[in-house]
C-alpha atoms as a PDB file:
ATOM      1  CA  MET A   1       4.032 -30.664 -22.116  1.00  0.00           C
ATOM      2  CA  ILE A   2       5.005 -31.764 -18.649  1.00  0.00           C
ATOM      3  CA  THR A   3       2.864 -30.288 -15.960  1.00  0.00           C
ATOM      4  CA  HIS A   4       3.766 -30.295 -12.326  1.00  0.00           C
ATOM      5  CA  PRO A   5       1.983 -29.373  -9.138  1.00  0.00           C
ATOM      6  CA  ARG A   6       2.117 -25.730  -8.119  1.00  0.00           C
ATOM      7  CA  THR A   7       4.050 -24.874  -4.978  1.00  0.00           C
ATOM      8  CA  GLU A   8       0.888 -24.285  -2.951  1.00  0.00           C
ATOM      9  CA  GLU A   9      -0.423 -27.702  -4.041  1.00  0.00           C
ATOM     10  CA  LEU A  10       2.774 -29.354  -2.832  1.00  0.00           C
ATOM     11  CA  VAL A  11       2.500 -27.581   0.518  1.00  0.00           C
ATOM     12  CA  GLU A  12      -1.102 -28.733   0.873  1.00  0.00           C
ATOM     13  CA  ALA A  13      -0.174 -32.322  -0.009  1.00  0.00           C
ATOM     14  CA  VAL A  14       2.530 -32.425   2.663  1.00  0.00           C
ATOM     15  CA  ALA A  15       0.149 -30.957   5.251  1.00  0.00           C
ATOM     16  CA  ARG A  16      -2.494 -33.568   4.420  1.00  0.00           C
ATOM     17  CA  TRP A  17       0.058 -36.372   4.683  1.00  0.00           C
ATOM     18  CA  ILE A  18       1.201 -35.131   8.096  1.00  0.00           C
ATOM     19  CA  ASP A  19      -2.421 -35.073   9.234  1.00  0.00           C
ATOM     20  CA  THR A  20      -2.870 -38.691   8.149  1.00  0.00           C
ATOM     21  CA  VAL A  21       0.131 -39.953  10.136  1.00  0.00           C
ATOM     22  CA  ARG A  22      -0.331 -37.673  13.145  1.00  0.00           C
ATOM     23  CA  PRO A  23      -2.813 -39.930  15.021  1.00  0.00           C
ATOM     24  CA  GLU A  24      -0.192 -42.703  15.093  1.00  0.00           C
ATOM     25  CA  LEU A  25       2.494 -40.516  16.662  1.00  0.00           C
ATOM     26  CA  LYS A  26       3.505 -40.169  20.292  1.00  0.00           C
ATOM     27  CA  PRO A  27       1.842 -37.139  21.945  1.00  0.00           C
ATOM     28  CA  ARG A  28       4.894 -34.849  21.689  1.00  0.00           C
ATOM     29  CA  ASP A  29       5.492 -35.774  18.037  1.00  0.00           C
ATOM     30  CA  ALA A  30       1.766 -35.387  17.286  1.00  0.00           C
ATOM     31  CA  PHE A  31       1.916 -31.888  18.757  1.00  0.00           C
ATOM     32  CA  LEU A  32       4.975 -31.011  16.668  1.00  0.00           C
ATOM     33  CA  ALA A  33       3.254 -32.445  13.587  1.00  0.00           C
ATOM     34  CA  ARG A  34       0.282 -30.159  14.260  1.00  0.00           C
ATOM     35  CA  VAL A  35       2.666 -27.201  14.549  1.00  0.00           C
ATOM     36  CA  ALA A  36       4.210 -28.212  11.214  1.00  0.00           C
ATOM     37  CA  VAL A  37       0.767 -28.360   9.579  1.00  0.00           C
ATOM     38  CA  ASN A  38       0.028 -24.872  10.909  1.00  0.00           C
ATOM     39  CA  VAL A  39       3.335 -23.578   9.527  1.00  0.00           C
ATOM     40  CA  LEU A  40       2.549 -25.100   6.150  1.00  0.00           C
ATOM     41  CA  GLY A  41      -0.803 -23.319   6.245  1.00  0.00           C
ATOM     42  CA  VAL A  42       0.955 -19.993   6.764  1.00  0.00           C
ATOM     43  CA  VAL A  43       3.335 -20.786   3.890  1.00  0.00           C
ATOM     44  CA  GLN A  44       0.414 -21.687   1.631  1.00  0.00           C
ATOM     45  CA  ARG A  45      -1.447 -18.465   2.475  1.00  0.00           C
ATOM     46  CA  GLU A  46       1.739 -16.450   1.979  1.00  0.00           C
ATOM     47  CA  LEU A  47       2.105 -17.981  -1.481  1.00  0.00           C
ATOM     48  CA  THR A  48      -1.498 -17.334  -2.457  1.00  0.00           C
ATOM     49  CA  LEU A  49      -2.333 -14.092  -0.619  1.00  0.00           C
ATOM     50  CA  GLY A  50       1.101 -12.547  -0.073  1.00  0.00           C
ATOM     51  CA  PRO A  51       1.770 -11.025  -3.501  1.00  0.00           C
ATOM     52  CA  ALA A  52      -1.551  -9.151  -3.595  1.00  0.00           C
ATOM     53  CA  ALA A  53      -1.214  -8.059   0.034  1.00  0.00           C
ATOM     54  CA  GLU A  54       2.275  -6.714  -0.625  1.00  0.00           C
ATOM     55  CA  ALA A  55       1.178  -4.908  -3.811  1.00  0.00           C
ATOM     56  CA  GLU A  56      -1.709  -3.285  -1.962  1.00  0.00           C
ATOM     57  CA  ALA A  57       0.572  -2.277   0.906  1.00  0.00           C
ATOM     58  CA  VAL A  58       2.998  -0.707  -1.577  1.00  0.00           C
ATOM     59  CA  ALA A  59       0.127   1.256  -3.145  1.00  0.00           C
ATOM     60  CA  ARG A  60      -1.055   2.464   0.263  1.00  0.00           C
ATOM     61  CA  MET A  61       2.420   3.448   1.449  1.00  0.00           C
ATOM     62  CA  SER A  62       3.213   5.118  -1.886  1.00  0.00           C
ATOM     63  CA  GLY A  63       0.108   7.247  -1.454  1.00  0.00           C
ATOM     64  CA  LEU A  64       1.131   8.215   2.062  1.00  0.00           C
ATOM     65  CA  LEU A  65       4.759   8.937   1.234  1.00  0.00           C
ATOM     66  CA  GLY A  66       4.189  10.563  -2.141  1.00  0.00           C
ATOM     67  CA  HIS A  67       6.434   8.270  -4.189  1.00  0.00           C
ATOM     68  CA  THR A  68       6.817   4.660  -5.236  1.00  0.00           C
ATOM     69  CA  GLY A  69       9.431   2.161  -4.185  1.00  0.00           C
ATOM     70  CA  SER A  70       9.928  -1.383  -3.001  1.00  0.00           C
ATOM     71  CA  TYR A  71       7.912  -2.768  -0.109  1.00  0.00           C
ATOM     72  CA  GLU A  72      11.047  -2.887   2.039  1.00  0.00           C
ATOM     73  CA  ASP A  73      12.139   0.671   1.225  1.00  0.00           C
ATOM     74  CA  LEU A  74       8.665   2.138   1.722  1.00  0.00           C
ATOM     75  CA  THR A  75       8.226   0.300   5.010  1.00  0.00           C
ATOM     76  CA  ALA A  76      11.607   1.517   6.273  1.00  0.00           C
ATOM     77  CA  GLU A  77      10.814   5.105   5.281  1.00  0.00           C
ATOM     78  CA  LEU A  78       7.360   5.000   6.849  1.00  0.00           C
ATOM     79  CA  CYS A  79       8.842   3.645  10.085  1.00  0.00           C
ATOM     80  CA  ALA A  80      11.548   6.327  10.067  1.00  0.00           C
ATOM     81  CA  ARG A  81       8.976   9.085   9.543  1.00  0.00           C
ATOM     82  CA  LEU A  82       6.823   7.719  12.356  1.00  0.00           C
ATOM     83  CA  GLN A  83       9.802   7.492  14.708  1.00  0.00           C
ATOM     84  CA  ALA A  84      10.873  11.034  13.802  1.00  0.00           C
ATOM     85  CA  GLY A  85       7.370  12.333  14.525  1.00  0.00           C
ATOM     86  CA  GLU A  86       6.914  13.500  10.926  1.00  0.00           C
ATOM     87  CA  MET A  87       3.753  11.389  10.696  1.00  0.00           C
ATOM     88  CA  ASP A  88       1.275  10.509  13.417  1.00  0.00           C
ATOM     89  CA  ALA A  89      -2.346   9.493  14.012  1.00  0.00           C
ATOM     90  CA  GLU A  90      -3.450  12.836  12.583  1.00  0.00           C
ATOM     91  CA  THR A  91      -1.774  12.165   9.221  1.00  0.00           C
ATOM     92  CA  PRO A  92      -4.601  11.727   6.703  1.00  0.00           C
ATOM     93  CA  GLY A  93      -4.966   8.103   5.645  1.00  0.00           C
ATOM     94  CA  LEU A  94      -2.231   6.767   7.911  1.00  0.00           C
ATOM     95  CA  LEU A  95      -4.367   4.815  10.364  1.00  0.00           C
ATOM     96  CA  ALA A  96      -6.532   3.353   7.590  1.00  0.00           C
ATOM     97  CA  ALA A  97      -3.429   2.239   5.687  1.00  0.00           C
ATOM     98  CA  LEU A  98      -1.814   0.702   8.759  1.00  0.00           C
ATOM     99  CA  ARG A  99      -5.058  -1.061   9.674  1.00  0.00           C
ATOM    100  CA  ALA A 100      -5.440  -2.475   6.154  1.00  0.00           C
ATOM    101  CA  ASN A 101      -1.799  -3.635   6.108  1.00  0.00           C
ATOM    102  CA  ALA A 102      -2.246  -5.333   9.489  1.00  0.00           C
ATOM    103  CA  GLN A 103      -5.498  -7.000   8.449  1.00  0.00           C
ATOM    104  CA  ASP A 104      -3.862  -8.366   5.305  1.00  0.00           C
ATOM    105  CA  GLN A 105      -0.989  -9.779   7.376  1.00  0.00           C
ATOM    106  CA  VAL A 106      -3.347 -11.328   9.934  1.00  0.00           C
ATOM    107  CA  ALA A 107      -5.291 -12.954   7.077  1.00  0.00           C
ATOM    108  CA  ILE A 108      -2.052 -14.722   6.166  1.00  0.00           C
ATOM    109  CA  ASP A 109      -0.692 -15.454   9.649  1.00  0.00           C
ATOM    110  CA  GLN A 110      -3.861 -16.193  11.648  1.00  0.00           C
ATOM    111  CA  PRO A 111      -6.990 -16.154   9.456  1.00  0.00           C
ATOM    112  CA  ASN A 112      -9.139 -17.563  12.282  1.00  0.00           C
ATOM    113  CA  TYR A 113      -8.172 -14.773  14.693  1.00  0.00           C
ATOM    114  CA  SER A 114     -11.495 -13.399  15.900  1.00  0.00           C
ATOM    115  CA  SER A 115     -10.628  -9.744  15.206  1.00  0.00           C
ATOM    116  CA  ALA A 116      -9.707 -10.570  11.620  1.00  0.00           C
ATOM    117  CA  ARG A 117     -13.262 -11.469  10.691  1.00  0.00           C
END
């Protein structure tokens, strides 16, 4: 059987390679290489943490809205209900769900953000 690296392993390999050549680059290119490494880190975390974060968000939103659906559809409906004033800070479970969704997203986008710890 042929085995191949997983997507997240490929992303990590590219990021490591960029880090090895970065010291030899001109300052502007070194900066852009660092940005690229950071982007690859976000991609890697999205691949590894994203599916569970999305599934948990769907479960939370389904509980709030009273039905299941896709992440996109539930998010759109939740936003519409918030904009219409049908749900607000007094809605049981809303703030906890929004906080958990935001924390999961920050863990992917900026895991070293001080408030995320």
